[in-house]
N, C-alpha and C. Protein backbone atom coordinates (compact mmCIF):
# COMPACT_ATOMS: atom_id res chain seq x y z
N MET A 1 20.04 39.07 -52.38
CA MET A 1 18.68 38.91 -51.71
C MET A 1 19.22 37.71 -50.35
N THR A 2 18.90 37.64 -49.28
CA THR A 2 19.36 37.11 -47.89
C THR A 2 18.64 36.03 -47.88
N GLU A 3 19.30 35.02 -47.43
CA GLU A 3 18.48 33.97 -47.18
C GLU A 3 17.11 34.05 -46.82
N THR A 4 17.10 34.75 -45.51
CA THR A 4 15.65 34.90 -44.54
C THR A 4 14.68 35.39 -45.88
N ALA A 5 15.50 36.56 -46.57
CA ALA A 5 14.18 37.22 -47.49
C ALA A 5 13.76 36.27 -48.17
N ALA A 6 14.89 35.40 -49.54
CA ALA A 6 14.02 34.03 -50.11
C ALA A 6 13.20 33.11 -49.72
N SER A 7 13.26 33.04 -48.33
CA SER A 7 12.83 32.23 -47.96
C SER A 7 11.53 32.24 -47.43
N SER A 8 11.48 33.71 -46.96
CA SER A 8 9.91 34.13 -46.60
C SER A 8 9.21 34.71 -47.85
N SER A 9 9.94 34.87 -48.73
CA SER A 9 9.02 35.19 -50.47
C SER A 9 8.45 33.70 -50.83
N LYS A 10 8.51 32.54 -50.09
CA LYS A 10 7.87 31.42 -50.99
C LYS A 10 6.41 31.33 -49.74
N GLY A 11 6.43 31.96 -48.90
CA GLY A 11 4.45 32.11 -48.17
C GLY A 11 5.03 31.27 -47.09
N ARG A 12 5.73 30.57 -46.78
CA ARG A 12 5.84 29.56 -45.22
C ARG A 12 7.04 30.37 -44.58
N PRO A 13 6.79 30.06 -43.25
CA PRO A 13 7.73 30.96 -42.61
C PRO A 13 8.93 29.85 -42.56
N SER A 14 10.17 30.52 -42.19
CA SER A 14 11.50 29.50 -42.16
C SER A 14 11.93 29.26 -41.24
N ARG A 15 12.01 27.99 -41.23
CA ARG A 15 12.64 27.54 -39.84
C ARG A 15 14.00 27.33 -39.32
N GLU A 16 14.11 27.12 -38.53
CA GLU A 16 15.64 27.48 -38.15
C GLU A 16 16.70 26.22 -38.26
N PRO A 17 17.88 26.21 -38.97
CA PRO A 17 18.55 25.31 -39.15
C PRO A 17 18.08 24.10 -38.20
N GLY A 18 18.39 24.25 -36.88
CA GLY A 18 18.21 22.85 -35.82
C GLY A 18 16.92 22.33 -35.80
N LYS A 19 15.96 23.25 -35.95
CA LYS A 19 14.82 22.68 -35.63
C LYS A 19 14.26 21.65 -36.23
N ARG A 20 13.21 20.71 -36.30
CA ARG A 20 12.83 19.80 -36.83
C ARG A 20 11.18 19.37 -36.92
N GLY A 21 10.52 18.99 -37.27
CA GLY A 21 9.24 18.49 -36.94
C GLY A 21 9.37 17.22 -36.38
N PHE A 22 8.03 16.99 -35.73
CA PHE A 22 7.57 16.25 -34.81
C PHE A 22 7.97 14.79 -35.50
N PHE A 23 7.46 14.31 -36.22
CA PHE A 23 7.71 12.90 -37.10
C PHE A 23 9.29 12.85 -37.33
N ALA A 24 9.88 13.89 -37.99
CA ALA A 24 11.76 13.89 -38.22
C ALA A 24 11.77 13.67 -37.07
N SER A 25 12.06 14.28 -35.63
CA SER A 25 12.51 14.21 -34.55
C SER A 25 12.39 12.53 -34.05
N ILE A 26 10.98 12.31 -34.28
CA ILE A 26 10.64 10.30 -33.85
C ILE A 26 11.80 9.48 -34.84
N ALA A 27 11.50 10.32 -35.76
CA ALA A 27 12.28 9.12 -37.08
C ALA A 27 13.83 9.00 -36.89
N LEU A 28 14.53 10.39 -36.07
CA LEU A 28 15.97 10.54 -36.09
C LEU A 28 16.19 9.86 -34.88
N PHE A 29 15.43 9.88 -33.88
CA PHE A 29 15.37 9.26 -32.78
C PHE A 29 15.83 7.58 -32.80
N LEU A 30 14.49 7.07 -33.97
CA LEU A 30 14.71 5.35 -34.15
C LEU A 30 16.01 5.19 -34.82
N ARG A 31 16.42 6.56 -35.66
CA ARG A 31 17.73 6.08 -36.46
C ARG A 31 18.61 6.00 -35.01
N GLN A 32 18.79 6.64 -34.63
CA GLN A 32 19.58 6.86 -33.60
C GLN A 32 19.80 5.58 -32.63
N VAL A 33 18.75 5.33 -31.92
CA VAL A 33 18.47 3.83 -31.22
C VAL A 33 19.02 2.64 -31.94
N ILE A 34 18.54 2.42 -33.03
CA ILE A 34 18.80 1.47 -33.98
C ILE A 34 20.19 1.26 -34.43
N ALA A 35 21.34 2.58 -34.77
CA ALA A 35 22.47 2.41 -34.54
C ALA A 35 23.46 2.12 -33.00
N GLU A 36 22.48 2.43 -32.08
CA GLU A 36 23.45 2.66 -30.66
C GLU A 36 23.34 0.91 -30.46
N LEU A 37 22.06 0.30 -30.86
CA LEU A 37 22.06 -1.39 -30.60
C LEU A 37 22.80 -2.32 -31.72
N LYS A 38 22.74 -1.81 -32.66
CA LYS A 38 23.95 -2.15 -33.52
C LYS A 38 25.74 -2.54 -32.59
N LYS A 39 25.83 -1.60 -32.05
CA LYS A 39 27.13 -1.27 -31.22
C LYS A 39 27.47 -2.20 -30.09
N VAL A 40 25.64 -2.49 -29.51
CA VAL A 40 25.89 -3.53 -29.09
C VAL A 40 26.55 -5.41 -28.73
N VAL A 41 27.39 -5.66 -27.98
CA VAL A 41 27.89 -6.84 -27.95
C VAL A 41 27.78 -7.66 -27.28
N THR A 42 27.20 -8.56 -27.47
CA THR A 42 26.29 -10.14 -26.71
C THR A 42 27.84 -10.57 -26.33
N PRO A 43 27.64 -10.77 -24.60
CA PRO A 43 28.53 -11.66 -23.63
C PRO A 43 28.88 -13.17 -24.19
N THR A 44 29.81 -13.43 -24.15
CA THR A 44 29.75 -15.41 -23.97
C THR A 44 29.55 -15.98 -22.70
N ARG A 45 29.42 -17.18 -22.95
CA ARG A 45 28.79 -17.65 -21.72
C ARG A 45 29.91 -17.56 -20.93
N ALA A 46 31.22 -17.68 -20.51
CA ALA A 46 31.74 -17.71 -20.22
C ALA A 46 31.82 -16.28 -18.99
N GLU A 47 31.60 -15.13 -19.92
CA GLU A 47 31.31 -13.75 -19.82
C GLU A 47 30.46 -13.42 -18.82
N LEU A 48 29.48 -13.78 -19.46
CA LEU A 48 28.04 -13.92 -18.35
C LEU A 48 27.85 -14.40 -17.44
N LEU A 49 28.19 -15.72 -17.22
CA LEU A 49 28.48 -16.57 -16.10
C LEU A 49 29.23 -15.63 -14.90
N ARG A 50 30.32 -14.96 -14.95
CA ARG A 50 31.38 -14.48 -14.63
C ARG A 50 30.83 -13.23 -13.82
N TYR A 51 29.71 -12.46 -14.65
CA TYR A 51 29.20 -11.06 -14.21
C TYR A 51 28.23 -11.19 -13.30
N THR A 52 27.56 -12.24 -13.73
CA THR A 52 26.30 -12.66 -12.85
C THR A 52 26.83 -13.35 -11.16
N LEU A 53 27.79 -14.20 -11.36
CA LEU A 53 28.39 -14.04 -10.07
C LEU A 53 29.12 -13.06 -9.75
N VAL A 54 29.84 -12.38 -10.25
CA VAL A 54 30.06 -10.46 -9.97
C VAL A 54 28.93 -10.02 -9.15
N VAL A 55 27.62 -10.08 -9.54
CA VAL A 55 27.10 -9.54 -9.36
C VAL A 55 26.12 -10.22 -7.89
N LEU A 56 26.04 -11.27 -7.86
CA LEU A 56 25.13 -12.06 -7.21
C LEU A 56 26.68 -11.93 -5.31
N ALA A 57 27.60 -12.24 -6.20
CA ALA A 57 28.56 -11.71 -4.61
C ALA A 57 28.45 -10.23 -4.02
N PHE A 58 28.00 -9.37 -4.89
CA PHE A 58 28.38 -7.88 -4.68
C PHE A 58 27.17 -8.05 -3.92
N VAL A 59 25.66 -8.58 -4.05
CA VAL A 59 24.47 -8.45 -3.17
C VAL A 59 24.62 -8.95 -1.98
N VAL A 60 25.34 -9.87 -2.05
CA VAL A 60 25.69 -10.70 -0.43
C VAL A 60 26.42 -10.13 0.38
N VAL A 61 27.42 -9.42 -0.01
CA VAL A 61 28.39 -8.25 0.45
C VAL A 61 27.68 -7.29 1.36
N MET A 62 26.97 -6.64 0.19
CA MET A 62 25.85 -5.73 0.18
C MET A 62 24.76 -6.19 1.90
N MET A 63 24.21 -7.46 0.95
CA MET A 63 23.29 -7.91 2.66
C MET A 63 24.08 -8.19 3.69
N LEU A 64 25.26 -8.61 4.00
CA LEU A 64 26.19 -8.36 5.13
C LEU A 64 25.98 -7.33 5.65
N ILE A 65 26.58 -6.10 4.96
CA ILE A 65 26.85 -4.75 5.35
C ILE A 65 25.69 -4.24 5.97
N VAL A 66 24.47 -4.21 5.61
CA VAL A 66 23.29 -3.55 5.99
C VAL A 66 22.58 -4.54 6.85
N THR A 67 23.25 -6.00 7.20
CA THR A 67 22.50 -6.56 8.44
C THR A 67 23.33 -5.93 9.75
N ALA A 68 24.76 -5.72 9.29
CA ALA A 68 25.46 -5.56 10.71
C ALA A 68 24.83 -4.48 10.93
N LEU A 69 25.19 -3.11 10.08
CA LEU A 69 24.51 -1.92 10.58
C LEU A 69 23.24 -2.17 11.30
N ASP A 70 22.29 -3.28 10.68
CA ASP A 70 20.57 -3.07 11.55
C ASP A 70 20.90 -3.34 12.79
N PHE A 71 22.33 -4.07 13.04
CA PHE A 71 22.10 -5.16 14.19
C PHE A 71 22.53 -4.16 15.04
N VAL A 72 23.89 -3.29 14.78
CA VAL A 72 23.93 -2.75 15.65
C VAL A 72 23.31 -1.09 15.97
N PHE A 73 22.60 -0.73 15.08
CA PHE A 73 21.84 0.46 15.36
C PHE A 73 20.52 -0.17 16.25
N GLY A 74 20.09 -1.67 16.22
CA GLY A 74 18.79 -1.92 16.84
C GLY A 74 19.41 -2.22 17.97
N THR A 75 20.83 -2.61 17.88
CA THR A 75 20.81 -3.25 19.89
C THR A 75 21.85 -1.92 20.60
N GLY A 76 21.90 -0.85 19.62
CA GLY A 76 22.40 0.84 20.59
C GLY A 76 20.72 1.11 20.48
N ALA A 77 20.01 1.30 19.90
CA ALA A 77 18.72 1.71 19.92
C ALA A 77 18.09 1.19 21.31
N LEU A 78 18.04 -0.30 21.46
CA LEU A 78 17.86 -0.64 22.75
C LEU A 78 18.80 -0.52 24.05
N TRP A 79 19.68 0.02 23.99
CA TRP A 79 20.27 0.08 24.63
C TRP A 79 20.32 1.87 25.17
N ILE A 80 20.18 2.33 24.80
CA ILE A 80 19.13 3.83 24.72
C ILE A 80 17.84 3.80 25.48
N PHE A 81 16.77 3.27 24.82
CA PHE A 81 15.53 3.74 25.16
C PHE A 81 15.08 2.56 26.01
N GLY A 82 16.13 1.30 26.29
CA GLY A 82 15.84 0.46 26.90
C GLY A 82 15.00 -0.95 26.08
N SER A 83 14.57 -1.82 26.82
CA SER A 83 13.65 -2.72 25.68
C SER A 83 12.19 -2.58 25.75
N GLY A 84 11.52 -1.62 26.04
CA GLY A 84 10.20 -1.18 25.72
C GLY A 84 9.31 -1.86 26.40
N GLY A 85 9.82 -2.56 27.54
CA GLY A 85 8.94 -3.14 28.00
C GLY A 85 8.05 -2.47 29.46
N GLY A 86 8.36 -1.34 29.94
CA GLY A 86 8.13 -0.52 30.92
C GLY A 86 8.09 -1.13 32.04
N GLU A 87 8.14 -0.43 33.02
CA GLU A 87 8.26 -1.03 34.73
C GLU A 87 7.15 -0.79 35.11
N SER A 88 6.40 -0.77 35.84
CA SER A 88 5.16 -0.84 36.82
C SER A 88 5.42 0.16 37.71
């Protein structure tokens, strides 16, 4: 007798091997989350300070680039379209 025939004779439908129930899926997800959290390494104080300074420096550089582009495009728009004061 095949496995499908044996399981169908028990009165309930057979599940596919990869299928899980709703609560089993949630439990599996939570186990995987906990396993991943155990892999997390907390940075030392020196590493945290270094990472913070790198992020702040990157943000400042990006702000300077955006400011420069804003100035260039604003000046170009004023040059093309005029000051907007309109002549009477």
